[in-house]
Amino acid sequence: MTDLDYLDHAEAALKAIETACDCINDETDADVDSQRTGGMITLSFANRSQIIVNLQKPLQEIWLAARAGGFHYKLVDGMWRDTKDGSELFAGLSLYASEQAGQPLVFAAPS
């Protein structure tokens, strides 16, 4: 994959996360604050916990840091997959954000 292809897919993933936060805030009382700085999004929850999602351009990966730990995702067949267990980025983000928010939250991959 070229660097440009990586950036196109990675930016689409970050945009999907930002859009999901807007929907979550409109449709629930979870109050997830998302702040983007360059290739990094910080999600802050009411209990002051955070999830950080950031691009790792040299490795062509997306990294996610949550209370549950740190995870590295690489694009495989159009999906961001954990480099250790193959799980999908948006499924993991939904799980970890739900745990930290104390209620079910859903993040979906860009279509």
Protein backbone atom coordinates (compact mmCIF):
# COMPACT_ATOMS: atom_id res chain seq x y z
CA MET A 1 0.00 0.00 0.00
CA THR A 2 1.30 3.44 -0.82
CA ASP A 3 1.56 6.16 1.80
CA LEU A 4 -1.22 8.05 0.02
CA ASP A 5 -3.53 5.01 0.13
CA TYR A 6 -2.79 4.59 3.83
CA LEU A 7 -3.58 8.24 4.54
CA ASP A 8 -6.85 8.07 2.58
CA HIS A 9 -8.05 5.02 4.55
CA ALA A 10 -6.73 6.27 7.89
CA GLU A 11 -8.30 9.72 7.50
CA ALA A 12 -11.63 8.08 6.60
CA ALA A 13 -11.41 6.04 9.82
CA LEU A 14 -10.71 9.14 11.94
CA LYS A 15 -13.57 11.01 10.28
CA ALA A 16 -15.90 8.06 11.02
CA ILE A 17 -14.87 8.21 14.70
CA GLU A 18 -15.59 11.95 14.83
CA THR A 19 -18.97 11.46 13.14
CA ALA A 20 -19.85 8.64 15.54
CA CYS A 21 -19.06 10.88 18.51
CA ASP A 22 -21.42 13.53 17.15
CA CYS A 23 -24.18 10.91 16.76
CA ILE A 24 -23.55 9.48 20.23
CA ASN A 25 -23.82 12.94 21.77
CA ASP A 26 -27.03 13.68 19.82
CA GLU A 27 -28.71 10.35 20.57
CA THR A 28 -27.51 9.43 24.08
CA ASP A 29 -26.56 11.10 27.34
CA ALA A 30 -23.01 9.67 27.18
CA ASP A 31 -21.36 13.09 26.61
CA VAL A 32 -18.25 11.95 24.74
CA ASP A 33 -15.97 14.88 23.99
CA SER A 34 -13.80 14.36 20.92
CA GLN A 35 -10.87 16.60 20.11
CA ARG A 36 -8.73 16.19 17.05
CA THR A 37 -5.19 17.41 16.68
CA GLY A 38 -3.63 16.41 13.36
CA GLY A 39 -3.65 12.62 13.15
CA MET A 40 -4.85 12.10 16.72
CA ILE A 41 -8.30 12.03 18.30
CA THR A 42 -8.78 12.17 22.06
CA LEU A 43 -12.14 10.92 23.36
CA SER A 44 -12.90 12.13 26.88
CA PHE A 45 -15.66 10.65 29.01
CA ALA A 46 -17.67 12.04 31.93
CA ASN A 47 -15.57 10.00 34.40
CA ARG A 48 -12.45 11.79 33.05
CA SER A 49 -11.10 8.67 31.38
CA GLN A 50 -9.83 8.96 27.82
CA ILE A 51 -9.29 6.95 24.68
CA ILE A 52 -6.67 8.12 22.24
CA VAL A 53 -6.66 7.08 18.59
CA ASN A 54 -3.70 8.15 16.52
CA LEU A 55 -2.09 7.51 13.17
CA GLN A 56 1.32 5.89 12.99
CA LYS A 57 2.30 6.89 9.47
CA PRO A 58 5.74 5.23 9.31
CA LEU A 59 4.16 1.86 10.20
CA GLN A 60 0.92 2.49 8.27
CA GLU A 61 -1.06 1.67 11.41
CA ILE A 62 -3.70 3.20 13.67
CA TRP A 63 -3.00 2.94 17.38
CA LEU A 64 -5.66 2.98 20.09
CA ALA A 65 -4.96 3.54 23.79
CA ALA A 66 -7.74 2.84 26.30
CA ARG A 67 -8.04 1.70 29.90
CA ALA A 68 -8.02 -1.85 28.52
CA GLY A 69 -4.57 -1.35 27.00
CA GLY A 70 -2.83 -0.32 23.80
CA PHE A 71 -3.75 -1.77 20.42
CA HIS A 72 -2.22 -1.54 16.95
CA TYR A 73 -4.36 -1.86 13.81
CA LYS A 74 -3.24 -2.43 10.23
CA LEU A 75 -5.40 -2.28 7.09
CA VAL A 76 -6.15 -5.83 5.90
CA ASP A 77 -8.61 -6.40 3.05
CA GLY A 78 -10.21 -3.01 3.63
CA MET A 79 -10.61 -3.39 7.42
CA TRP A 80 -8.43 -2.13 10.26
CA ARG A 81 -7.33 -5.31 12.06
CA ASP A 82 -5.48 -5.70 15.37
CA THR A 83 -1.96 -6.87 14.63
CA LYS A 84 -2.11 -9.44 17.46
CA ASP A 85 -5.58 -11.00 17.43
CA GLY A 86 -7.13 -9.79 14.16
CA SER A 87 -10.07 -8.04 15.84
CA GLU A 88 -11.53 -5.02 14.06
CA LEU A 89 -10.80 -1.41 15.11
CA PHE A 90 -14.39 -0.17 15.32
CA ALA A 91 -15.56 -3.24 17.24
CA GLY A 92 -12.74 -2.69 19.72
CA LEU A 93 -13.41 1.02 19.97
CA SER A 94 -17.12 0.32 20.61
CA LEU A 95 -16.23 -2.15 23.36
CA TYR A 96 -13.64 0.03 25.10
CA ALA A 97 -15.69 3.24 24.80
CA SER A 98 -18.76 1.42 26.18
CA GLU A 99 -16.72 0.19 29.16
CA GLN A 100 -15.38 3.67 29.87
CA ALA A 101 -18.72 5.45 29.33
CA GLY A 102 -20.68 2.91 31.39
CA GLN A 103 -23.24 2.43 28.62
CA PRO A 104 -23.38 0.86 25.16
CA LEU A 105 -21.76 3.00 22.46
CA VAL A 106 -21.40 2.09 18.80
CA PHE A 107 -18.66 3.16 16.42
CA ALA A 108 -18.90 1.97 12.81
CA ALA A 109 -16.37 1.73 10.01
CA PRO A 110 -16.77 4.15 7.09
CA SER A 111 -18.82 2.72 4.27
